[in-house]
Protein backbone atom coordinates (compact mmCIF):
# COMPACT_ATOMS: atom_id res chain seq x y z
CA MET A 1 58.29 121.67 84.55
CA SER A 2 60.38 122.79 81.52
CA ALA A 3 64.05 122.78 81.73
CA MET A 4 65.90 126.02 82.68
CA PRO A 5 67.26 128.04 79.81
CA LYS A 6 70.80 127.63 78.75
CA ARG A 7 73.02 130.57 79.89
CA PRO A 8 75.96 131.74 77.76
CA ALA A 9 79.44 130.72 78.76
CA ALA A 10 80.28 134.28 79.42
CA MET A 11 83.27 135.81 81.04
CA THR A 12 82.67 138.22 83.98
CA GLU A 13 83.10 142.05 83.48
CA ALA A 14 86.04 141.83 85.98
CA GLU A 15 87.77 139.21 83.75
CA ASP A 16 87.13 141.42 80.76
CA ARG A 17 88.55 144.50 82.45
CA GLY A 18 91.71 142.52 83.38
CA ARG A 19 92.86 142.64 79.66
CA LEU A 20 94.70 145.61 78.05
CA PRO A 21 92.11 147.84 76.24
CA VAL A 22 92.88 148.41 72.51
CA ALA A 23 91.71 151.24 70.35
CA LEU A 24 92.27 151.28 66.58
CA LEU A 25 92.82 154.69 65.06
CA THR A 26 92.03 154.14 61.42
CA GLY A 27 91.52 156.60 58.46
CA PHE A 28 92.49 156.82 54.97
CA LEU A 29 95.81 158.17 53.69
CA GLY A 30 96.37 161.80 54.47
CA SER A 31 93.21 162.02 56.65
CA GLY A 32 95.18 163.31 59.76
CA LYS A 33 95.61 160.28 61.97
CA THR A 34 99.09 161.16 63.06
CA THR A 35 98.29 164.76 63.67
CA LEU A 36 95.32 163.71 65.87
CA LEU A 37 97.36 161.16 67.62
CA ASN A 38 100.14 163.50 68.46
CA ALA A 39 97.61 165.90 69.95
CA LEU A 40 95.95 163.24 71.93
CA LEU A 41 99.22 161.82 73.30
CA ARG A 42 99.86 165.29 74.96
CA ASP A 43 96.79 164.71 77.21
CA PRO A 44 98.00 163.41 80.62
CA CYS A 45 95.16 160.80 80.48
CA LEU A 46 97.30 158.95 77.82
CA ALA A 47 100.64 159.23 79.74
CA ASP A 48 100.73 155.40 80.25
CA THR A 49 99.72 154.44 76.64
CA ALA A 50 101.61 152.17 74.24
CA VAL A 51 101.43 153.03 70.58
CA ALA A 52 101.83 150.56 67.65
CA ILE A 53 102.20 152.31 64.26
CA ASN A 54 102.01 150.58 61.00
CA GLU A 55 103.89 151.81 57.88
CA PHE A 56 102.92 150.81 54.40
CA GLY A 57 106.46 150.69 52.77
CA GLU A 58 110.02 149.56 53.53
CA THR A 59 111.27 152.67 55.29
CA PRO A 60 109.35 153.58 58.43
CA LEU A 61 108.68 157.29 58.82
CA ASP A 62 105.56 157.60 61.11
CA GLN A 63 107.48 156.67 64.25
CA ASP A 64 109.61 159.82 63.74
CA LEU A 65 106.46 161.90 63.33
CA VAL A 66 104.78 160.69 66.58
CA ALA A 67 105.89 162.72 69.71
CA HIS A 68 105.81 159.87 72.10
CA ASP A 69 108.48 158.17 74.33
CA ASP A 70 110.63 155.70 72.36
CA ASP A 71 109.97 152.97 74.96
CA LYS A 72 106.31 153.31 74.41
CA THR A 73 106.15 153.35 70.57
CA LEU A 74 106.50 150.41 68.22
CA VAL A 75 106.70 150.61 64.46
CA MET A 76 105.59 147.90 62.18
CA ALA A 77 107.10 148.39 58.73
CA ASN A 78 106.35 145.01 57.24
CA GLY A 79 103.77 146.42 54.75
CA CYS A 80 100.07 146.65 55.32
CA LEU A 81 99.14 145.58 58.80
CA CYS A 82 95.99 143.87 57.67
CA CYS A 83 98.04 141.69 55.32
CA ASN A 84 100.81 140.77 57.60
CA LEU A 85 98.82 140.52 60.82
CA ALA A 86 99.76 137.03 62.02
CA GLY A 87 103.45 137.94 62.35
CA ASP A 88 103.97 141.66 62.55
CA PHE A 89 101.22 142.76 64.85
CA GLU A 90 101.49 139.75 67.19
CA GLU A 91 105.17 140.35 67.41
CA ALA A 92 104.76 143.98 68.20
CA VAL A 93 102.19 143.23 70.98
CA MET A 94 104.46 140.59 72.45
CA ARG A 95 107.31 143.14 72.48
CA ILE A 96 105.00 145.58 74.36
CA PHE A 97 104.32 142.87 76.99
CA SER A 98 107.94 141.76 77.23
CA ARG A 99 108.70 145.44 78.21
CA LEU A 100 106.18 145.00 81.05
CA GLN A 101 108.37 142.42 82.58
CA LEU A 102 111.29 144.78 83.14
CA ASP A 103 111.46 146.74 86.23
CA THR A 104 112.56 150.01 84.41
CA SER A 105 109.65 149.70 81.89
CA PRO A 106 106.61 151.95 82.19
CA ILE A 107 103.38 150.18 83.03
CA PHE A 108 100.98 150.41 80.08
CA SER A 109 97.25 150.84 80.72
CA ARG A 110 96.06 150.74 77.18
CA LEU A 111 97.32 150.35 73.48
CA ILE A 112 96.49 152.53 70.48
CA VAL A 113 97.10 150.94 67.12
CA GLU A 114 97.50 153.22 64.12
CA PRO A 115 97.26 151.04 60.96
CA SER A 116 98.16 152.18 57.51
CA GLY A 117 95.67 154.34 55.73
CA LEU A 118 95.17 151.49 53.26
CA ALA A 119 94.53 149.02 55.93
CA ASP A 120 91.21 147.13 56.39
CA PRO A 121 90.46 147.43 59.94
CA ALA A 122 88.57 144.04 60.06
CA PRO A 123 91.52 141.65 60.28
CA ILE A 124 93.13 143.69 63.00
CA ALA A 125 89.92 143.68 65.10
CA GLN A 126 89.55 140.00 64.49
CA ALA A 127 92.99 139.34 65.79
CA VAL A 128 92.25 141.01 69.20
CA LEU A 129 88.99 139.08 69.31
CA ARG A 130 90.11 135.68 68.28
CA ASN A 131 93.83 135.26 68.12
CA PRO A 132 94.60 132.73 70.85
CA VAL A 133 97.70 134.73 71.90
CA LEU A 134 96.43 138.23 71.61
CA SER A 135 92.94 137.66 73.04
CA ARG A 136 94.39 136.46 76.30
CA PHE A 137 95.85 139.93 76.90
CA LEU A 138 93.82 142.33 74.83
CA ARG A 139 90.21 143.39 74.49
CA LEU A 140 88.92 145.57 71.68
CA GLU A 141 87.59 148.71 73.25
CA SER A 142 86.87 151.10 70.30
CA ILE A 143 87.47 151.85 66.60
CA ILE A 144 88.00 155.51 65.68
CA ALA A 145 88.11 156.77 62.10
CA THR A 146 89.41 160.00 60.75
CA VAL A 147 87.85 161.44 57.61
CA ASP A 148 89.42 164.26 55.62
CA ALA A 149 86.89 167.08 54.96
CA VAL A 150 88.82 168.14 51.84
CA PHE A 151 89.08 164.69 50.06
CA GLY A 152 86.78 162.62 52.16
CA ARG A 153 83.94 162.29 49.74
CA ARG A 154 86.28 161.35 46.92
CA HIS A 155 87.88 158.71 49.10
CA LEU A 156 84.55 157.30 50.04
CA ALA A 157 83.49 157.15 46.39
CA GLU A 158 86.70 155.54 45.12
CA TRP A 159 88.12 153.45 47.92
CA SER A 160 86.39 150.51 49.70
CA GLU A 161 88.86 150.74 52.40
CA SER A 162 87.70 154.20 53.28
CA ARG A 163 84.07 153.25 53.47
CA LYS A 164 84.89 150.23 55.54
CA GLN A 165 86.88 152.21 57.97
CA VAL A 166 83.87 154.65 58.44
CA ALA A 167 81.41 151.77 58.70
CA MET A 168 83.13 149.89 61.38
CA ALA A 169 83.92 153.03 63.53
CA ASP A 170 82.57 153.65 67.04
CA LYS A 171 83.43 157.29 66.60
CA ILE A 172 84.28 159.48 63.53
CA VAL A 173 86.67 162.42 63.65
CA LEU A 174 86.15 164.90 60.73
CA THR A 175 89.55 166.62 60.20
CA LYS A 176 90.41 169.74 58.10
CA ALA A 177 86.83 171.01 58.41
CA ASP A 178 88.22 174.57 58.47
CA LEU A 179 89.56 174.14 54.84
CA VAL A 180 86.11 173.62 53.17
CA ARG A 181 82.93 175.54 52.66
CA PRO A 182 79.99 174.75 55.13
CA ARG A 183 77.88 173.21 52.36
CA ASP A 184 80.62 170.85 51.41
CA LEU A 185 81.15 169.80 55.05
CA ALA A 186 77.46 169.30 55.47
CA ALA A 187 77.50 167.04 52.29
CA LEU A 188 80.41 165.05 53.79
CA GLU A 189 78.60 164.67 57.11
CA ALA A 190 75.50 163.50 55.30
CA GLU A 191 77.44 160.90 53.45
CA VAL A 192 79.34 159.74 56.54
CA ALA A 193 75.98 159.44 58.40
CA ASN A 194 74.62 157.50 55.51
CA ILE A 195 77.18 154.95 55.85
CA ASN A 196 77.39 154.81 59.69
CA PRO A 197 74.44 156.63 61.43
CA HIS A 198 75.30 155.33 64.85
CA ALA A 199 78.85 156.62 65.22
CA PRO A 200 79.09 160.01 66.87
CA ARG A 201 80.94 162.68 64.72
CA ILE A 202 83.42 165.17 66.13
CA TYR A 203 85.44 167.80 64.49
CA GLY A 204 89.12 167.44 64.56
CA ASP A 205 89.92 170.72 66.42
CA THR A 206 87.49 169.70 69.09
CA ALA A 207 88.88 166.09 69.21
CA ARG A 208 92.43 167.25 69.69
CA SER A 209 91.56 169.24 72.74
CA LYS A 210 90.77 166.28 74.99
CA ALA A 211 91.33 162.57 74.67
CA SER A 212 88.24 161.54 76.55
CA LEU A 213 86.10 163.14 73.72
CA VAL A 214 87.64 160.53 71.35
CA PHE A 215 87.88 157.41 73.45
CA PRO A 216 85.33 155.75 75.61
CA ALA A 217 85.19 156.03 79.33
CA ARG A 218 86.45 152.51 80.02
CA PHE A 219 89.48 153.17 77.88
CA PHE A 220 90.74 155.32 80.71
CA ASP A 221 89.03 153.93 83.80
CA ALA A 222 88.43 150.35 84.43
CA GLU A 223 86.00 151.11 87.07
CA ALA A 224 83.90 153.41 85.01
CA GLU A 225 80.23 152.88 85.59
CA THR A 226 79.16 152.93 81.92
CA PRO A 227 80.66 150.32 79.80
CA SER A 228 81.69 151.60 76.28
CA ILE A 229 79.23 149.36 74.56
CA ALA A 230 76.36 150.95 76.38
CA THR A 231 77.55 154.34 75.29
CA TRP A 232 77.76 153.16 71.71
CA LEU A 233 74.22 151.69 71.81
CA ALA A 234 72.84 154.75 73.53
CA ASP A 235 72.83 156.40 70.15
CA PHE A 236 69.67 154.39 69.28
CA ASP A 237 67.69 157.09 70.91
CA ALA A 238 69.39 159.72 68.80
CA HIS A 239 68.23 158.03 65.58
CA PRO A 240 64.59 156.97 66.09
CA ALA A 241 63.94 156.86 62.45
CA GLU A 242 66.65 154.28 61.79
CA ARG A 243 64.83 151.51 63.55
CA HIS A 244 61.39 150.33 64.89
CA LEU A 245 60.51 148.30 68.05
CA LEU A 246 59.22 144.82 67.72
CA PRO A 247 56.58 143.64 66.70
CA ASP A 248 56.76 146.26 64.02
CA GLY A 249 60.16 144.96 63.01
CA PRO A 250 63.62 146.52 62.57
CA GLN A 251 64.66 148.89 59.77
CA ALA A 252 67.81 149.21 57.91
CA GLY A 253 69.63 152.52 56.99
CA HIS A 254 70.18 153.58 53.56
CA ASP A 255 72.32 151.37 51.35
CA HIS A 256 75.75 152.97 50.53
CA GLY A 257 77.77 149.71 50.26
CA ALA A 258 77.68 149.56 54.11
CA THR A 259 74.35 149.54 55.90
CA SER A 260 73.51 149.86 59.62
CA ILE A 261 70.69 147.68 60.96
CA SER A 262 69.25 148.38 64.43
CA ILE A 263 67.10 145.80 66.25
CA VAL A 264 65.44 146.45 69.61
CA CYS A 265 63.52 143.84 71.57
CA GLY A 266 61.60 144.31 74.68
CA THR A 267 61.03 140.65 75.47
CA PRO A 268 63.85 138.62 77.05
CA LEU A 269 65.69 136.40 74.38
CA VAL A 270 66.42 132.78 74.79
CA TRP A 271 70.19 132.31 74.61
CA ARG A 272 70.22 128.86 72.93
CA GLU A 273 67.93 130.02 70.19
CA PHE A 274 69.57 133.42 69.73
CA GLU A 275 73.11 131.91 69.65
CA ASP A 276 72.07 129.49 66.98
CA TRP A 277 70.38 132.21 64.93
CA LEU A 278 73.46 134.54 65.17
CA ARG A 279 75.77 131.63 64.30
CA ARG A 280 73.99 131.00 61.12
CA ILE A 281 74.00 134.73 60.21
CA ARG A 282 77.72 134.71 60.83
CA ILE A 283 78.41 131.64 58.69
CA ASP A 284 76.14 132.61 55.82
CA TRP A 285 77.24 136.23 55.66
CA SER A 286 80.72 136.23 57.17
CA ASN A 287 82.27 138.52 54.40
CA GLN A 288 79.44 140.98 54.38
CA LEU A 289 78.96 141.16 58.21
CA LEU A 290 81.35 143.94 59.09
CA ARG A 291 80.48 144.17 62.73
CA VAL A 292 77.87 143.31 65.27
CA LYS A 293 77.45 144.73 68.80
CA GLY A 294 74.68 144.15 71.15
CA ILE A 295 73.59 144.29 74.83
CA LEU A 296 71.02 141.41 75.60
CA ASN A 297 68.30 140.74 78.04
CA LEU A 298 68.37 137.02 78.25
CA ALA A 299 65.80 134.79 79.99
CA GLY A 300 67.19 133.36 83.12
CA CYS A 301 69.90 136.05 83.41
CA ALA A 302 69.34 138.93 85.76
CA LEU A 303 72.30 140.87 84.37
CA PRO A 304 72.91 142.05 80.77
CA VAL A 305 75.12 140.16 78.42
CA VAL A 306 77.25 141.90 75.85
CA VAL A 307 78.14 140.39 72.45
CA GLN A 308 80.47 141.78 69.66
CA GLY A 309 82.05 140.33 66.63
CA VAL A 310 83.74 141.17 63.25
CA HIS A 311 82.68 139.12 60.20
CA HIS A 312 82.44 135.49 61.48
CA VAL A 313 84.48 136.00 64.59
CA LEU A 314 82.52 136.53 67.75
CA HIS A 315 84.08 137.63 71.03
CA PRO A 316 83.14 135.59 74.18
CA ALA A 317 80.08 137.03 75.60
CA VAL A 318 80.64 139.23 78.64
CA GLU A 319 78.18 139.48 81.56
CA LEU A 320 78.16 143.02 82.99
CA ASP A 321 78.06 143.77 86.72
CA ARG A 322 75.14 145.86 86.29
CA TRP A 323 72.55 147.26 83.85
CA PRO A 324 74.09 150.56 82.56
CA SER A 325 70.69 152.23 82.67
CA ASP A 326 67.04 151.53 83.41
CA ASP A 327 66.54 150.42 79.79
CA ARG A 328 66.28 146.63 79.94
CA ARG A 329 65.62 146.03 76.20
CA SER A 330 67.90 143.96 74.00
CA ARG A 331 69.63 146.23 71.57
CA LEU A 332 71.67 145.07 68.54
CA VAL A 333 73.44 146.77 65.75
CA PHE A 334 74.65 145.04 62.65
CA ILE A 335 76.93 146.83 60.12
CA THR A 336 76.85 144.98 56.83
CA GLU A 337 77.59 145.18 53.14
CA GLY A 338 75.56 144.29 50.16
CA ALA A 339 72.46 142.08 50.49
CA ALA A 340 73.26 140.80 54.10
CA SER A 341 71.17 143.60 55.61
CA ARG A 342 67.99 142.44 54.00
CA GLU A 343 68.65 138.81 54.71
CA ILE A 344 69.24 139.56 58.44
CA LEU A 345 66.00 141.44 58.62
CA VAL A 346 64.08 138.69 56.94
CA ARG A 347 65.63 136.11 59.19
CA TRP A 348 64.95 138.09 62.32
CA GLU A 349 61.29 138.48 61.32
CA GLU A 350 60.96 134.80 60.52
CA SER A 351 62.71 133.74 63.89
CA ALA A 352 61.72 136.50 66.31
CA SER A 353 58.84 134.67 67.95
CA ARG A 354 61.00 131.52 68.54
CA LEU A 355 63.95 133.67 69.78
CA MET A 356 61.64 135.37 72.33
CA THR A 357 59.67 132.30 73.38
CA PRO A 358 60.49 131.48 77.15
CA GLN A 359 61.64 127.95 77.53
CA PHE A 360 60.89 127.69 81.22
CA GLN A 361 57.91 128.14 83.58
CA PRO A 362 57.32 131.80 84.50
CA ASN A 363 57.62 131.07 88.22
CA ALA A 364 60.86 129.00 87.89
CA GLY A 365 63.08 132.00 88.91
CA PRO A 366 66.44 132.94 87.65
CA ALA A 367 69.13 130.44 86.79
CA ALA A 368 71.69 129.74 89.44
């Protein structure tokens, strides 16, 4: 009898839930992040939320513009957050947790990080995923990007930071939509969808009305039945033209500097083979691989396993307590730049049969 398949060294969903959820509120300069944040913080759902604000410059201003309790708001004025991450962000987060040790300090249930409009969100996300100090306490829950309807197209055309913020987002908030003509707004939406077809888009006036429209369910409720990643991946069904099921092969979105690649596989994957395949992708294309998220059906595992990463950094796999729906297919999304999308597709096609080949007898039963 063949050996049982290797299982991932995954943390449990309960362990994952025990860490403080973090949301990155990104967006280019002047795109309305602070206005949106102020409106969201008035929602009672965010009453126990800590906020970390990054200022690009020597004199911090944004802290004075955010209407939130002083003991819940931290300002980081040490330049661009993505460039001073190791010291400033870690210090700010440790200050938050030191407050939790005080009897008079409020109990935080979540953290919102508002980087500078010039910040690359990738290093910040990587710190949450990999930093040995931060990853003990934090889990990356979502990335939200604001896009200015007035100047958004110009920013996307001229600034790689703006494109990257949109490409990595789980949800996109279109601000100042009332200030542009409908045809110009439609053109911006098409351009945003071209960069990131999987992220739901919401208008700023709607987003400001209710925090739960912007953030995923688990950001508020640790016992929510639907993990945020399942909600994110559910957008597969809204974009059937963006992918094909195996054996026809996956399909990439349009190339606009950032490309979204969707892969759906109905046959259980072999973890050892898949892990090796993904490791090689991360090593060879670390700079171009902006983000990867997936929910996997693995041979020998009765429950789904979630993976996510930024560039070459992969978060420890998490085994969920239940399947979020009746859909038992493995679903993966890769957000890439440059030629990485084509290479990932080629490598998947070359390796798919090996990744899906069971390495155990059909009647062996699930692994213990």
